[in-house]
């Protein structure tokens, strides 16, 4: 097999850097096409569509502070309220980090689903816009596809991998105007099982903020 220089590796990987954003974009297009129908058919079951910019703190195998790095990207979530704040939620996320340790590009695409509970804070500001707030907690399970990176397994450095993924998180929404919310803060813990030449387990923390659109009653 011919060896690639660092420059040729980067040129070879460049088209793949758009994969996380492309995947989340397709997911968003599908959800947006379904949202009007759900808003009509589930008038008693409110629907939320959230878009969040996230940063996830991850690390290479090792104990040095230099082993930590950040994956950055977008997260989309779609939630249907089924009963008294309890709902079903689906998430798609695309994350990437480039030029780690000089030449490693890392990309993660995640698809997750699970229950979400939202507690309505009610009327919290005395303004004409009648602002409301809500706090939600959720637990999800799904799959992570890593189309780029280095994943040591049985003495071989793989450039792609995948694994089951578990996530627990929470967030705060503030209604700005009618059906538009500002997601003040959202965060969570993600557990993946990608090959790393060691325990093959990663526990990462992420934080983000964004917007949320509310449909139905």
Protein backbone atom coordinates (compact mmCIF):
# COMPACT_ATOMS: atom_id res chain seq x y z
CA UNK A 1 0.00 0.00 0.00
CA UNK A 2 1.48 3.41 -0.96
CA UNK A 3 2.28 5.77 1.89
CA UNK A 4 0.56 9.15 1.98
CA UNK A 5 2.30 12.35 3.03
CA UNK A 6 0.63 14.58 5.60
CA UNK A 7 -0.43 17.00 2.84
CA UNK A 8 -1.95 14.25 0.70
CA UNK A 9 -3.76 12.80 3.72
CA UNK A 10 -5.29 16.18 4.44
CA UNK A 11 -6.39 16.58 0.81
CA UNK A 12 -7.85 13.08 0.91
CA UNK A 13 -9.79 13.82 4.10
CA UNK A 14 -10.99 17.29 3.15
CA UNK A 15 -14.22 16.19 1.38
CA UNK A 16 -15.16 14.06 4.39
CA UNK A 17 -15.04 16.98 6.81
CA UNK A 18 -18.51 18.03 5.69
CA UNK A 19 -20.07 14.66 6.60
CA UNK A 20 -21.23 15.61 10.14
CA UNK A 21 -22.87 18.83 8.94
CA UNK A 22 -24.34 17.11 5.89
CA UNK A 23 -25.87 14.36 8.03
CA UNK A 24 -27.43 16.82 10.47
CA UNK A 25 -28.66 18.91 7.54
CA UNK A 26 -30.48 15.94 6.02
CA UNK A 27 -31.97 15.10 9.42
CA UNK A 28 -33.16 18.70 9.80
CA UNK A 29 -34.76 18.71 6.34
CA UNK A 30 -36.69 15.53 7.13
CA UNK A 31 -37.89 16.86 10.48
CA UNK A 32 -38.94 20.21 9.05
CA UNK A 33 -40.96 18.45 6.36
CA UNK A 34 -42.77 16.42 9.04
CA UNK A 35 -43.31 19.23 11.55
CA UNK A 36 -46.40 20.91 9.97
CA UNK A 37 -48.19 17.55 9.72
CA UNK A 38 -47.38 16.75 13.33
CA UNK A 39 -48.55 20.17 14.45
CA UNK A 40 -51.96 19.47 12.88
CA UNK A 41 -52.33 15.80 13.77
CA UNK A 42 -51.09 16.15 17.33
CA UNK A 43 -52.74 19.40 18.41
CA UNK A 44 -52.97 17.99 21.94
CA UNK A 45 -49.36 16.80 21.81
CA UNK A 46 -46.97 19.75 21.46
CA UNK A 47 -43.91 19.32 19.25
CA UNK A 48 -40.52 20.96 19.84
CA UNK A 49 -37.72 21.32 17.31
CA UNK A 50 -34.39 22.48 18.78
CA UNK A 51 -31.10 23.52 17.20
CA UNK A 52 -28.05 23.81 19.43
CA UNK A 53 -24.38 24.66 18.94
CA UNK A 54 -22.33 22.33 21.15
CA UNK A 55 -18.79 21.80 22.36
CA UNK A 56 -17.81 18.38 23.66
CA UNK A 57 -14.71 17.87 25.80
CA UNK A 58 -12.96 14.63 24.85
CA UNK A 59 -9.48 13.18 25.33
CA UNK A 60 -6.91 10.86 23.91
CA UNK A 61 -5.70 7.94 26.04
CA UNK A 62 -3.38 9.40 28.66
CA UNK A 63 -3.31 11.47 31.84
CA UNK A 64 -1.72 14.68 30.54
CA UNK A 65 -3.74 17.87 30.18
CA UNK A 66 -2.49 17.97 26.58
CA UNK A 67 -4.54 14.84 25.86
CA UNK A 68 -7.82 16.83 26.03
CA UNK A 69 -9.44 18.38 22.98
CA UNK A 70 -12.82 19.77 21.91
CA UNK A 71 -15.27 18.49 19.34
CA UNK A 72 -17.52 21.26 18.00
CA UNK A 73 -20.66 21.12 15.92
CA UNK A 74 -24.46 21.17 15.82
CA UNK A 75 -27.18 19.15 17.51
CA UNK A 76 -30.79 18.86 16.35
CA UNK A 77 -33.58 17.42 18.48
CA UNK A 78 -37.24 16.66 17.81
CA UNK A 79 -39.58 16.01 20.73
CA UNK A 80 -43.28 15.09 20.99
CA UNK A 81 -44.97 15.71 24.32
CA UNK A 82 -47.04 12.59 25.03
CA UNK A 83 -48.37 13.03 28.56
CA UNK A 84 -47.99 15.74 31.21
CA UNK A 85 -44.50 16.83 30.18
CA UNK A 86 -43.25 13.34 29.36
CA UNK A 87 -42.30 12.93 25.72
CA UNK A 88 -40.27 11.03 23.15
CA UNK A 89 -37.22 12.74 21.71
CA UNK A 90 -34.84 12.05 18.80
CA UNK A 91 -31.45 13.68 18.30
CA UNK A 92 -28.92 13.97 15.49
CA UNK A 93 -25.51 15.56 16.07
CA UNK A 94 -22.48 16.27 13.90
CA UNK A 95 -19.18 17.04 15.64
CA UNK A 96 -15.64 17.56 14.37
CA UNK A 97 -12.13 18.48 15.51
CA UNK A 98 -9.31 19.17 13.04
CA UNK A 99 -5.51 18.97 13.14
CA UNK A 100 -5.31 17.24 16.50
CA UNK A 101 -1.71 16.35 17.35
CA UNK A 102 -0.70 17.96 14.10
CA UNK A 103 -2.54 15.84 11.53
CA UNK A 104 -5.55 14.00 13.00
CA UNK A 105 -9.06 15.01 11.93
CA UNK A 106 -11.88 13.57 14.05
CA UNK A 107 -15.54 13.41 13.00
CA UNK A 108 -18.54 11.99 14.88
CA UNK A 109 -22.12 11.60 13.65
CA UNK A 110 -24.64 10.58 16.32
CA UNK A 111 -28.26 9.44 16.19
CA UNK A 112 -30.03 9.02 19.55
CA UNK A 113 -33.56 8.55 20.87
CA UNK A 114 -35.21 8.28 24.27
CA UNK A 115 -37.57 9.84 26.82
CA UNK A 116 -37.57 13.50 27.81
CA UNK A 117 -39.40 15.11 30.71
CA UNK A 118 -40.10 18.86 30.61
CA UNK A 119 -41.17 20.87 33.66
CA UNK A 120 -42.98 24.11 32.77
CA UNK A 121 -41.91 27.00 34.99
CA UNK A 122 -44.98 29.02 34.02
CA UNK A 123 -45.09 32.81 33.82
CA UNK A 124 -41.67 34.00 34.98
CA UNK A 125 -41.43 37.58 33.67
CA UNK A 126 -43.91 40.46 33.91
CA UNK A 127 -43.75 41.63 30.29
CA UNK A 128 -46.15 42.06 27.41
CA UNK A 129 -44.62 39.00 25.76
CA UNK A 130 -45.68 36.80 28.67
CA UNK A 131 -42.44 34.85 28.79
CA UNK A 132 -42.41 31.31 30.10
CA UNK A 133 -39.61 28.93 30.89
CA UNK A 134 -39.08 25.20 30.91
CA UNK A 135 -36.49 22.78 32.25
CA UNK A 136 -36.04 19.36 30.66
CA UNK A 137 -34.09 16.22 31.48
CA UNK A 138 -33.58 13.28 29.15
CA UNK A 139 -31.94 9.91 28.67
CA UNK A 140 -31.12 8.55 25.23
CA UNK A 141 -29.45 5.64 23.52
CA UNK A 142 -28.26 5.37 19.94
CA UNK A 143 -25.25 5.02 17.70
CA UNK A 144 -22.11 6.99 16.89
CA UNK A 145 -20.51 6.77 13.46
CA UNK A 146 -16.92 8.05 13.31
CA UNK A 147 -15.94 8.44 9.63
CA UNK A 148 -12.59 10.06 10.43
CA UNK A 149 -9.95 9.78 13.16
CA UNK A 150 -7.50 7.20 14.52
CA UNK A 151 -8.96 4.26 16.47
CA UNK A 152 -6.39 1.64 17.59
CA UNK A 153 -7.80 -1.90 17.67
CA UNK A 154 -5.77 -5.10 18.06
CA UNK A 155 -2.58 -3.40 16.94
CA UNK A 156 -4.18 -1.78 13.91
CA UNK A 157 -4.94 1.95 13.61
CA UNK A 158 -8.37 2.26 12.04
CA UNK A 159 -9.43 5.52 10.36
CA UNK A 160 -13.15 4.94 11.04
CA UNK A 161 -15.23 3.21 13.71
CA UNK A 162 -18.71 3.06 15.27
CA UNK A 163 -20.28 2.16 18.59
CA UNK A 164 -23.36 2.21 20.78
CA UNK A 165 -23.85 5.53 22.53
CA UNK A 166 -25.60 6.52 25.77
CA UNK A 167 -26.45 10.06 26.80
CA UNK A 168 -27.99 11.79 29.78
CA UNK A 169 -28.64 15.51 29.68
CA UNK A 170 -30.70 18.54 30.68
CA UNK A 171 -31.47 22.04 29.44
CA UNK A 172 -33.33 25.30 30.03
CA UNK A 173 -35.60 27.03 27.51
CA UNK A 174 -36.92 30.61 27.79
CA UNK A 175 -39.85 31.62 25.60
CA UNK A 176 -38.91 34.82 23.78
CA UNK A 177 -41.96 35.36 21.61
CA UNK A 178 -44.94 33.09 20.91
CA UNK A 179 -43.47 29.81 19.53
CA UNK A 180 -39.82 30.85 19.63
CA UNK A 181 -37.61 29.83 22.59
CA UNK A 182 -34.03 30.68 23.47
CA UNK A 183 -32.22 27.61 24.77
CA UNK A 184 -30.14 29.29 27.42
CA UNK A 185 -28.06 26.27 28.32
CA UNK A 186 -27.98 22.57 27.55
CA UNK A 187 -25.48 19.97 28.66
CA UNK A 188 -24.94 16.30 29.19
CA UNK A 189 -22.70 13.27 29.57
CA UNK A 190 -22.06 11.00 26.60
CA UNK A 191 -20.66 7.48 26.83
CA UNK A 192 -19.26 5.84 23.70
CA UNK A 193 -17.30 2.62 23.13
CA UNK A 194 -15.00 3.48 20.25
CA UNK A 195 -11.64 1.67 19.96
CA UNK A 196 -8.83 3.61 21.67
CA UNK A 197 -6.15 1.02 22.37
CA UNK A 198 -7.11 0.93 26.03
CA UNK A 199 -10.46 0.55 27.77
CA UNK A 200 -12.39 1.31 24.55
CA UNK A 201 -14.73 3.52 26.60
CA UNK A 202 -15.11 7.29 26.41
CA UNK A 203 -17.05 9.47 28.87
CA UNK A 204 -17.32 13.01 27.56
CA UNK A 205 -19.06 16.19 28.73
CA UNK A 206 -20.71 18.68 26.41
CA UNK A 207 -22.32 22.10 26.72
CA UNK A 208 -24.29 24.20 24.25
CA UNK A 209 -26.94 26.81 23.64
CA UNK A 210 -29.31 27.57 20.79
CA UNK A 211 -32.96 27.98 19.84
CA UNK A 212 -36.16 25.95 20.04
CA UNK A 213 -39.39 26.15 18.01
CA UNK A 214 -42.66 25.06 19.58
CA UNK A 215 -45.59 23.72 17.50
CA UNK A 216 -49.08 22.68 18.59
CA UNK A 217 -50.76 23.74 21.81
